[in-house]
Amino acid sequence: MAAKGQAAKSASGAAMSKYDVEVESRLKALEAAVRALQTHEHTSPAAAGADDGSRVTKLVDKLNSITAITDHCAKDANGVRRIDI
């Protein structure tokens, strides 16, 4: 921060107002946050395993027990109407 009575200087040497200094610091913080997000990695639940009794599998099983839903589904190889994902 500049000493009292002196304007802050930008990288090019131009004088900066108090507002400009505040905006510059916020911009640097935002740029740092963007860099952190760009390098952030995580694994999705779908990548963790194929069919591990997940919530989706349980949901499909529940939906398959409702005839009002399965009446609109195509028949499988056994001739049973089911949701097939």
PDB file of N, CA and C in Angstrom:
ATOM      1  N   MET A   1       0.852  -1.160   0.000  1.00  0.00           N
ATOM      2  CA  MET A   1       0.000   0.000   0.000  1.00  0.00           C
ATOM      3  C   MET A   1       0.894   1.217   0.000  1.00  0.00           C
ATOM      4  N   ALA A   2       0.471   2.262  -0.582  1.00  0.00           N
ATOM      5  CA  ALA A   2       1.256   3.494  -0.674  1.00  0.00           C
ATOM      6  C   ALA A   2       1.266   4.220   0.666  1.00  0.00           C
ATOM      7  N   ALA A   3       2.326   4.986   0.865  1.00  0.00           N
ATOM      8  CA  ALA A   3       2.416   5.788   2.085  1.00  0.00           C
ATOM      9  C   ALA A   3       1.392   6.911   2.022  1.00  0.00           C
ATOM     10  N   LYS A   4       1.043   7.435   3.186  1.00  0.00           N
ATOM     11  CA  LYS A   4       0.028   8.485   3.242  1.00  0.00           C
ATOM     12  C   LYS A   4       0.494   9.696   2.437  1.00  0.00           C
ATOM     13  N   GLY A   5      -0.402  10.209   1.599  1.00  0.00           N
ATOM     14  CA  GLY A   5      -0.075  11.369   0.790  1.00  0.00           C
ATOM     15  C   GLY A   5       0.484  11.020  -0.575  1.00  0.00           C
ATOM     16  N   GLN A   6       0.698   9.743  -0.848  1.00  0.00           N
ATOM     17  CA  GLN A   6       1.206   9.336  -2.160  1.00  0.00           C
ATOM     18  C   GLN A   6       0.207   8.398  -2.816  1.00  0.00           C
ATOM     19  N   ALA A   7       0.045   8.564  -4.112  1.00  0.00           N
ATOM     20  CA  ALA A   7      -0.860   7.684  -4.857  1.00  0.00           C
ATOM     21  C   ALA A   7      -0.156   6.358  -5.108  1.00  0.00           C
ATOM     22  N   ALA A   8      -0.927   5.286  -5.125  1.00  0.00           N
ATOM     23  CA  ALA A   8      -0.382   3.980  -5.472  1.00  0.00           C
ATOM     24  C   ALA A   8      -0.024   3.987  -6.946  1.00  0.00           C
ATOM     25  N   LYS A   9       0.921   3.145  -7.304  1.00  0.00           N
ATOM     26  CA  LYS A   9       1.361   3.085  -8.696  1.00  0.00           C
ATOM     27  C   LYS A   9       0.981   1.735  -9.289  1.00  0.00           C
ATOM     28  N   SER A  10       0.540   1.753 -10.533  1.00  0.00           N
ATOM     29  CA  SER A  10       0.223   0.511 -11.232  1.00  0.00           C
ATOM     30  C   SER A  10       1.508  -0.105 -11.760  1.00  0.00           C
ATOM     31  N   ALA A  11       1.407  -1.263 -12.380  1.00  0.00           N
ATOM     32  CA  ALA A  11       2.580  -1.930 -12.946  1.00  0.00           C
ATOM     33  C   ALA A  11       3.252  -1.061 -14.004  1.00  0.00           C
ATOM     34  N   SER A  12       2.488  -0.237 -14.680  1.00  0.00           N
ATOM     35  CA  SER A  12       3.053   0.637 -15.717  1.00  0.00           C
ATOM     36  C   SER A  12       3.580   1.949 -15.142  1.00  0.00           C
ATOM     37  N   GLY A  13       3.388   2.161 -13.840  1.00  0.00           N
ATOM     38  CA  GLY A  13       3.863   3.380 -13.212  1.00  0.00           C
ATOM     39  C   GLY A  13       2.820   4.470 -13.114  1.00  0.00           C
ATOM     40  N   ALA A  14       1.635   4.238 -13.619  1.00  0.00           N
ATOM     41  CA  ALA A  14       0.579   5.242 -13.566  1.00  0.00           C
ATOM     42  C   ALA A  14      -0.006   5.308 -12.164  1.00  0.00           C
ATOM     43  N   ALA A  15      -0.439   6.491 -11.748  1.00  0.00           N
ATOM     44  CA  ALA A  15      -1.052   6.664 -10.437  1.00  0.00           C
ATOM     45  C   ALA A  15      -2.400   5.956 -10.405  1.00  0.00           C
ATOM     46  N   MET A  16      -2.702   5.351  -9.249  1.00  0.00           N
ATOM     47  CA  MET A  16      -3.962   4.634  -9.081  1.00  0.00           C
ATOM     48  C   MET A  16      -4.729   5.237  -7.919  1.00  0.00           C
ATOM     49  N   SER A  17      -6.035   5.386  -8.089  1.00  0.00           N
ATOM     50  CA  SER A  17      -6.871   5.882  -7.003  1.00  0.00           C
ATOM     51  C   SER A  17      -7.092   4.771  -5.977  1.00  0.00           C
ATOM     52  N   LYS A  18      -7.647   5.131  -4.827  1.00  0.00           N
ATOM     53  CA  LYS A  18      -7.958   4.149  -3.792  1.00  0.00           C
ATOM     54  C   LYS A  18      -8.908   3.089  -4.344  1.00  0.00           C
ATOM     55  N   TYR A  19      -9.872   3.505  -5.149  1.00  0.00           N
ATOM     56  CA  TYR A  19     -10.825   2.582  -5.768  1.00  0.00           C
ATOM     57  C   TYR A  19     -10.093   1.630  -6.708  1.00  0.00           C
ATOM     58  N   ASP A  20      -9.165   2.175  -7.513  1.00  0.00           N
ATOM     59  CA  ASP A  20      -8.408   1.337  -8.444  1.00  0.00           C
ATOM     60  C   ASP A  20      -7.594   0.286  -7.699  1.00  0.00           C
ATOM     61  N   VAL A  21      -7.005   0.687  -6.575  1.00  0.00           N
ATOM     62  CA  VAL A  21      -6.223  -0.256  -5.770  1.00  0.00           C
ATOM     63  C   VAL A  21      -7.120  -1.371  -5.246  1.00  0.00           C
ATOM     64  N   GLU A  22      -8.312  -1.014  -4.769  1.00  0.00           N
ATOM     65  CA  GLU A  22      -9.250  -2.015  -4.263  1.00  0.00           C
ATOM     66  C   GLU A  22      -9.693  -2.963  -5.374  1.00  0.00           C
ATOM     67  N   VAL A  23     -10.005  -2.414  -6.543  1.00  0.00           N
ATOM     68  CA  VAL A  23     -10.434  -3.244  -7.673  1.00  0.00           C
ATOM     69  C   VAL A  23      -9.303  -4.169  -8.105  1.00  0.00           C
ATOM     70  N   GLU A  24      -8.087  -3.657  -8.122  1.00  0.00           N
ATOM     71  CA  GLU A  24      -6.930  -4.472  -8.507  1.00  0.00           C
ATOM     72  C   GLU A  24      -6.738  -5.632  -7.539  1.00  0.00           C
ATOM     73  N   SER A  25      -6.897  -5.395  -6.245  1.00  0.00           N
ATOM     74  CA  SER A  25      -6.735  -6.486  -5.281  1.00  0.00           C
ATOM     75  C   SER A  25      -7.842  -7.524  -5.423  1.00  0.00           C
ATOM     76  N   ARG A  26      -9.062  -7.073  -5.685  1.00  0.00           N
ATOM     77  CA  ARG A  26     -10.168  -8.019  -5.896  1.00  0.00           C
ATOM     78  C   ARG A  26      -9.959  -8.828  -7.177  1.00  0.00           C
ATOM     79  N   LEU A  27      -9.455  -8.180  -8.206  1.00  0.00           N
ATOM     80  CA  LEU A  27      -9.197  -8.875  -9.466  1.00  0.00           C
ATOM     81  C   LEU A  27      -8.139  -9.958  -9.268  1.00  0.00           C
ATOM     82  N   LYS A  28      -7.077  -9.630  -8.529  1.00  0.00           N
ATOM     83  CA  LYS A  28      -6.037 -10.627  -8.271  1.00  0.00           C
ATOM     84  C   LYS A  28      -6.601 -11.809  -7.487  1.00  0.00           C
ATOM     85  N   ALA A  29      -7.479 -11.536  -6.517  1.00  0.00           N
ATOM     86  CA  ALA A  29      -8.089 -12.616  -5.741  1.00  0.00           C
ATOM     87  C   ALA A  29      -8.978 -13.490  -6.628  1.00  0.00           C
ATOM     88  N   LEU A  30      -9.734 -12.863  -7.519  1.00  0.00           N
ATOM     89  CA  LEU A  30     -10.585 -13.636  -8.440  1.00  0.00           C
ATOM     90  C   LEU A  30      -9.747 -14.485  -9.389  1.00  0.00           C
ATOM     91  N   GLU A  31      -8.669 -13.915  -9.899  1.00  0.00           N
ATOM     92  CA  GLU A  31      -7.798 -14.673 -10.801  1.00  0.00           C
ATOM     93  C   GLU A  31      -7.182 -15.870 -10.087  1.00  0.00           C
ATOM     94  N   ALA A  32      -6.803 -15.691  -8.827  1.00  0.00           N
ATOM     95  CA  ALA A  32      -6.254 -16.806  -8.054  1.00  0.00           C
ATOM     96  C   ALA A  32      -7.310 -17.889  -7.848  1.00  0.00           C
ATOM     97  N   ALA A  33      -8.546 -17.477  -7.582  1.00  0.00           N
ATOM     98  CA  ALA A  33      -9.632 -18.445  -7.396  1.00  0.00           C
ATOM     99  C   ALA A  33      -9.907 -19.208  -8.687  1.00  0.00           C
ATOM    100  N   VAL A  34      -9.857 -18.532  -9.817  1.00  0.00           N
ATOM    101  CA  VAL A  34     -10.075 -19.191 -11.107  1.00  0.00           C
ATOM    102  C   VAL A  34      -8.969 -20.205 -11.362  1.00  0.00           C
ATOM    103  N   ARG A  35      -7.726 -19.834 -11.070  1.00  0.00           N
ATOM    104  CA  ARG A  35      -6.613 -20.777 -11.256  1.00  0.00           C
ATOM    105  C   ARG A  35      -6.810 -22.012 -10.384  1.00  0.00           C
ATOM    106  N   ALA A  36      -7.266 -21.806  -9.145  1.00  0.00           N
ATOM    107  CA  ALA A  36      -7.495 -22.938  -8.246  1.00  0.00           C
ATOM    108  C   ALA A  36      -8.603 -23.839  -8.774  1.00  0.00           C
ATOM    109  N   LEU A  37      -9.657 -23.246  -9.310  1.00  0.00           N
ATOM    110  CA  LEU A  37     -10.760 -24.044  -9.858  1.00  0.00           C
ATOM    111  C   LEU A  37     -10.345 -24.789 -11.124  1.00  0.00           C
ATOM    112  N   GLN A  38      -9.488 -24.183 -11.921  1.00  0.00           N
ATOM    113  CA  GLN A  38      -9.049 -24.832 -13.159  1.00  0.00           C
ATOM    114  C   GLN A  38      -8.202 -26.055 -12.879  1.00  0.00           C
ATOM    115  N   THR A  39      -7.505 -26.088 -11.765  1.00  0.00           N
ATOM    116  CA  THR A  39      -6.668 -27.240 -11.445  1.00  0.00           C
ATOM    117  C   THR A  39      -7.367 -28.224 -10.512  1.00  0.00           C
ATOM    118  N   HIS A  40      -8.601 -27.899 -10.092  1.00  0.00           N
ATOM    119  CA  HIS A  40      -9.355 -28.766  -9.187  1.00  0.00           C
ATOM    120  C   HIS A  40      -9.804 -30.030  -9.914  1.00  0.00           C
ATOM    121  N   GLU A  41      -9.635 -31.158  -9.258  1.00  0.00           N
ATOM    122  CA  GLU A  41     -10.077 -32.436  -9.833  1.00  0.00           C
ATOM    123  C   GLU A  41     -10.836 -33.225  -8.776  1.00  0.00           C
ATOM    124  N   HIS A  42     -11.799 -33.992  -9.224  1.00  0.00           N
ATOM    125  CA  HIS A  42     -12.508 -34.909  -8.342  1.00  0.00           C
ATOM    126  C   HIS A  42     -13.035 -36.051  -9.189  1.00  0.00           C
ATOM    127  N   THR A  43     -13.342 -37.150  -8.528  1.00  0.00           N
ATOM    128  CA  THR A  43     -13.886 -38.300  -9.242  1.00  0.00           C
ATOM    129  C   THR A  43     -15.400 -38.295  -9.083  1.00  0.00           C
ATOM    130  N   SER A  44     -16.073 -38.632 -10.144  1.00  0.00           N
ATOM    131  CA  SER A  44     -17.531 -38.692 -10.092  1.00  0.00           C
ATOM    132  C   SER A  44     -17.955 -40.053  -9.560  1.00  0.00           C
ATOM    133  N   PRO A  45     -19.120 -40.146  -8.952  1.00  0.00           N
ATOM    134  CA  PRO A  45     -19.597 -41.433  -8.452  1.00  0.00           C
ATOM    135  C   PRO A  45     -19.728 -42.470  -9.567  1.00  0.00           C
ATOM    136  N   ALA A  46     -20.056 -42.037 -10.778  1.00  0.00           N
ATOM    137  CA  ALA A  46     -20.204 -42.976 -11.884  1.00  0.00           C
ATOM    138  C   ALA A  46     -18.863 -43.609 -12.239  1.00  0.00           C
ATOM    139  N   ALA A  47     -17.779 -42.870 -12.073  1.00  0.00           N
ATOM    140  CA  ALA A  47     -16.457 -43.396 -12.399  1.00  0.00           C
ATOM    141  C   ALA A  47     -15.939 -44.344 -11.325  1.00  0.00           C
ATOM    142  N   ALA A  48     -16.526 -44.297 -10.140  1.00  0.00           N
ATOM    143  CA  ALA A  48     -16.056 -45.111  -9.029  1.00  0.00           C
ATOM    144  C   ALA A  48     -16.313 -46.596  -9.250  1.00  0.00           C
ATOM    145  N   GLY A  49     -17.418 -46.947  -9.859  1.00  0.00           N
ATOM    146  CA  GLY A  49     -17.733 -48.355 -10.073  1.00  0.00           C
ATOM    147  C   GLY A  49     -18.982 -48.500 -10.908  1.00  0.00           C
ATOM    148  N   ALA A  50     -19.121 -49.641 -11.566  1.00  0.00           N
ATOM    149  CA  ALA A  50     -20.245 -49.840 -12.482  1.00  0.00           C
ATOM    150  C   ALA A  50     -21.564 -49.944 -11.713  1.00  0.00           C
ATOM    151  N   ASP A  51     -21.882 -51.116 -11.210  1.00  0.00           N
ATOM    152  CA  ASP A  51     -23.156 -51.319 -10.512  1.00  0.00           C
ATOM    153  C   ASP A  51     -22.856 -51.805  -9.102  1.00  0.00           C
ATOM    154  N   ASP A  52     -22.774 -50.893  -8.178  1.00  0.00           N
ATOM    155  CA  ASP A  52     -22.414 -51.221  -6.806  1.00  0.00           C
ATOM    156  C   ASP A  52     -23.594 -51.062  -5.849  1.00  0.00           C
ATOM    157  N   GLY A  53     -24.816 -51.277  -6.360  1.00  0.00           N
ATOM    158  CA  GLY A  53     -25.995 -51.107  -5.520  1.00  0.00           C
ATOM    159  C   GLY A  53     -26.242 -49.649  -5.209  1.00  0.00           C
ATOM    160  N   SER A  54     -25.933 -48.814  -6.159  1.00  0.00           N
ATOM    161  CA  SER A  54     -26.044 -47.378  -5.951  1.00  0.00           C
ATOM    162  C   SER A  54     -27.491 -46.930  -5.818  1.00  0.00           C
ATOM    163  N   ARG A  55     -27.653 -45.671  -5.472  1.00  0.00           N
ATOM    164  CA  ARG A  55     -28.988 -45.114  -5.297  1.00  0.00           C
ATOM    165  C   ARG A  55     -29.769 -45.135  -6.607  1.00  0.00           C
ATOM    166  N   VAL A  56     -29.090 -44.974  -7.726  1.00  0.00           N
ATOM    167  CA  VAL A  56     -29.782 -44.995  -9.015  1.00  0.00           C
ATOM    168  C   VAL A  56     -30.364 -46.379  -9.277  1.00  0.00           C
ATOM    169  N   THR A  57     -29.583 -47.402  -8.987  1.00  0.00           N
ATOM    170  CA  THR A  57     -30.062 -48.769  -9.183  1.00  0.00           C
ATOM    171  C   THR A  57     -31.283 -49.043  -8.306  1.00  0.00           C
ATOM    172  N   LYS A  58     -31.225 -48.576  -7.066  1.00  0.00           N
ATOM    173  CA  LYS A  58     -32.363 -48.764  -6.160  1.00  0.00           C
ATOM    174  C   LYS A  58     -33.591 -48.010  -6.661  1.00  0.00           C
ATOM    175  N   LEU A  59     -33.374 -46.812  -7.191  1.00  0.00           N
ATOM    176  CA  LEU A  59     -34.479 -46.021  -7.717  1.00  0.00           C
ATOM    177  C   LEU A  59     -35.120 -46.717  -8.916  1.00  0.00           C
ATOM    178  N   VAL A  60     -34.307 -47.243  -9.821  1.00  0.00           N
ATOM    179  CA  VAL A  60     -34.838 -47.946 -10.993  1.00  0.00           C
ATOM    180  C   VAL A  60     -35.623 -49.174 -10.560  1.00  0.00           C
ATOM    181  N   ASP A  61     -35.129 -49.892  -9.571  1.00  0.00           N
ATOM    182  CA  ASP A  61     -35.859 -51.062  -9.059  1.00  0.00           C
ATOM    183  C   ASP A  61     -37.228 -50.656  -8.494  1.00  0.00           C
ATOM    184  N   LYS A  62     -37.265 -49.547  -7.761  1.00  0.00           N
ATOM    185  CA  LYS A  62     -38.540 -49.068  -7.218  1.00  0.00           C
ATOM    186  C   LYS A  62     -39.490 -48.669  -8.351  1.00  0.00           C
ATOM    187  N   LEU A  63     -38.962 -47.967  -9.350  1.00  0.00           N
ATOM    188  CA  LEU A  63     -39.805 -47.553 -10.480  1.00  0.00           C
ATOM    189  C   LEU A  63     -40.321 -48.759 -11.257  1.00  0.00           C
ATOM    190  N   ASN A  64     -39.518 -49.793 -11.373  1.00  0.00           N
ATOM    191  CA  ASN A  64     -39.954 -51.001 -12.075  1.00  0.00           C
ATOM    192  C   ASN A  64     -41.049 -51.745 -11.324  1.00  0.00           C
ATOM    193  N   SER A  65     -41.248 -51.450 -10.056  1.00  0.00           N
ATOM    194  CA  SER A  65     -42.315 -52.105  -9.298  1.00  0.00           C
ATOM    195  C   SER A  65     -43.650 -51.372  -9.454  1.00  0.00           C
ATOM    196  N   ILE A  66     -43.653 -50.247 -10.166  1.00  0.00           N
ATOM    197  CA  ILE A  66     -44.877 -49.464 -10.366  1.00  0.00           C
ATOM    198  C   ILE A  66     -45.398 -49.737 -11.779  1.00  0.00           C
ATOM    199  N   THR A  67     -46.533 -50.432 -11.871  1.00  0.00           N
ATOM    200  CA  THR A  67     -47.056 -50.830 -13.186  1.00  0.00           C
ATOM    201  C   THR A  67     -47.489 -49.630 -14.029  1.00  0.00           C
ATOM    202  N   ALA A  68     -47.902 -48.547 -13.413  1.00  0.00           N
ATOM    203  CA  ALA A  68     -48.283 -47.360 -14.193  1.00  0.00           C
ATOM    204  C   ALA A  68     -47.088 -46.808 -14.968  1.00  0.00           C
ATOM    205  N   ILE A  69     -45.899 -47.056 -14.472  1.00  0.00           N
ATOM    206  CA  ILE A  69     -44.686 -46.609 -15.176  1.00  0.00           C
ATOM    207  C   ILE A  69     -44.244 -47.658 -16.179  1.00  0.00           C
ATOM    208  N   THR A  70     -44.179 -48.913 -15.768  1.00  0.00           N
ATOM    209  CA  THR A  70     -43.665 -49.953 -16.652  1.00  0.00           C
ATOM    210  C   THR A  70     -44.599 -50.243 -17.820  1.00  0.00           C
ATOM    211  N   ASP A  71     -45.882 -49.867 -17.715  1.00  0.00           N
ATOM    212  CA  ASP A  71     -46.804 -50.053 -18.842  1.00  0.00           C
ATOM    213  C   ASP A  71     -46.354 -49.261 -20.066  1.00  0.00           C
ATOM    214  N   HIS A  72     -45.555 -48.216 -19.850  1.00  0.00           N
ATOM    215  CA  HIS A  72     -45.087 -47.371 -20.952  1.00  0.00           C
ATOM    216  C   HIS A  72     -43.688 -47.737 -21.424  1.00  0.00           C
ATOM    217  N   CYS A  73     -43.119 -48.790 -20.858  1.00  0.00           N
ATOM    218  CA  CYS A  73     -41.761 -49.216 -21.206  1.00  0.00           C
ATOM    219  C   CYS A  73     -41.806 -50.323 -22.246  1.00  0.00           C
ATOM    220  N   ALA A  74     -40.708 -50.465 -22.957  1.00  0.00           N
ATOM    221  CA  ALA A  74     -40.584 -51.545 -23.938  1.00  0.00           C
ATOM    222  C   ALA A  74     -40.363 -52.869 -23.206  1.00  0.00           C
ATOM    223  N   LYS A  75     -40.718 -53.954 -23.867  1.00  0.00           N
ATOM    224  CA  LYS A  75     -40.516 -55.280 -23.284  1.00  0.00           C
ATOM    225  C   LYS A  75     -39.056 -55.689 -23.447  1.00  0.00           C
ATOM    226  N   ASP A  76     -38.554 -56.388 -22.434  1.00  0.00           N
ATOM    227  CA  ASP A  76     -37.191 -56.895 -22.534  1.00  0.00           C
ATOM    228  C   ASP A  76     -37.196 -58.241 -23.257  1.00  0.00           C
ATOM    229  N   ALA A  77     -36.068 -58.942 -23.273  1.00  0.00           N
ATOM    230  CA  ALA A  77     -35.941 -60.220 -23.989  1.00  0.00           C
ATOM    231  C   ALA A  77     -36.890 -61.276 -23.440  1.00  0.00           C
ATOM    232  N   ASN A  78     -37.287 -61.158 -22.187  1.00  0.00           N
ATOM    233  CA  ASN A  78     -38.198 -62.120 -21.580  1.00  0.00           C
ATOM    234  C   ASN A  78     -39.670 -61.715 -21.729  1.00  0.00           C
ATOM    235  N   GLY A  79     -39.919 -60.600 -22.392  1.00  0.00           N
ATOM    236  CA  GLY A  79     -41.281 -60.139 -22.597  1.00  0.00           C
ATOM    237  C   GLY A  79     -41.826 -59.336 -21.425  1.00  0.00           C
ATOM    238  N   VAL A  80     -40.969 -58.936 -20.516  1.00  0.00           N
ATOM    239  CA  VAL A  80     -41.381 -58.167 -19.332  1.00  0.00           C
ATOM    240  C   VAL A  80     -41.105 -56.685 -19.602  1.00  0.00           C
ATOM    241  N   ARG A  81     -42.083 -55.868 -19.282  1.00  0.00           N
ATOM    242  CA  ARG A  81     -41.903 -54.421 -19.457  1.00  0.00           C
ATOM    243  C   ARG A  81     -41.141 -53.867 -18.251  1.00  0.00           C
ATOM    244  N   ARG A  82     -39.988 -53.265 -18.542  1.00  0.00           N
ATOM    245  CA  ARG A  82     -39.131 -52.743 -17.480  1.00  0.00           C
ATOM    246  C   ARG A  82     -38.359 -51.528 -17.979  1.00  0.00           C
ATOM    247  N   ILE A  83     -37.943 -50.684 -17.026  1.00  0.00           N
ATOM    248  CA  ILE A  83     -37.032 -49.594 -17.346  1.00  0.00           C
ATOM    249  C   ILE A  83     -35.649 -50.219 -17.499  1.00  0.00           C
ATOM    250  N   ASP A  84     -35.020 -49.937 -18.605  1.00  0.00           N
ATOM    251  CA  ASP A  84     -33.704 -50.528 -18.876  1.00  0.00           C
ATOM    252  C   ASP A  84     -32.716 -49.385 -19.148  1.00  0.00           C
ATOM    253  N   ILE A  85     -31.782 -49.236 -18.221  1.00  0.00           N
ATOM    254  CA  ILE A  85     -30.751 -48.209 -18.415  1.00  0.00           C
ATOM    255  C   ILE A  85     -29.375 -48.808 -18.470  1.00  0.00           C
TER     256      ILE A  85
END
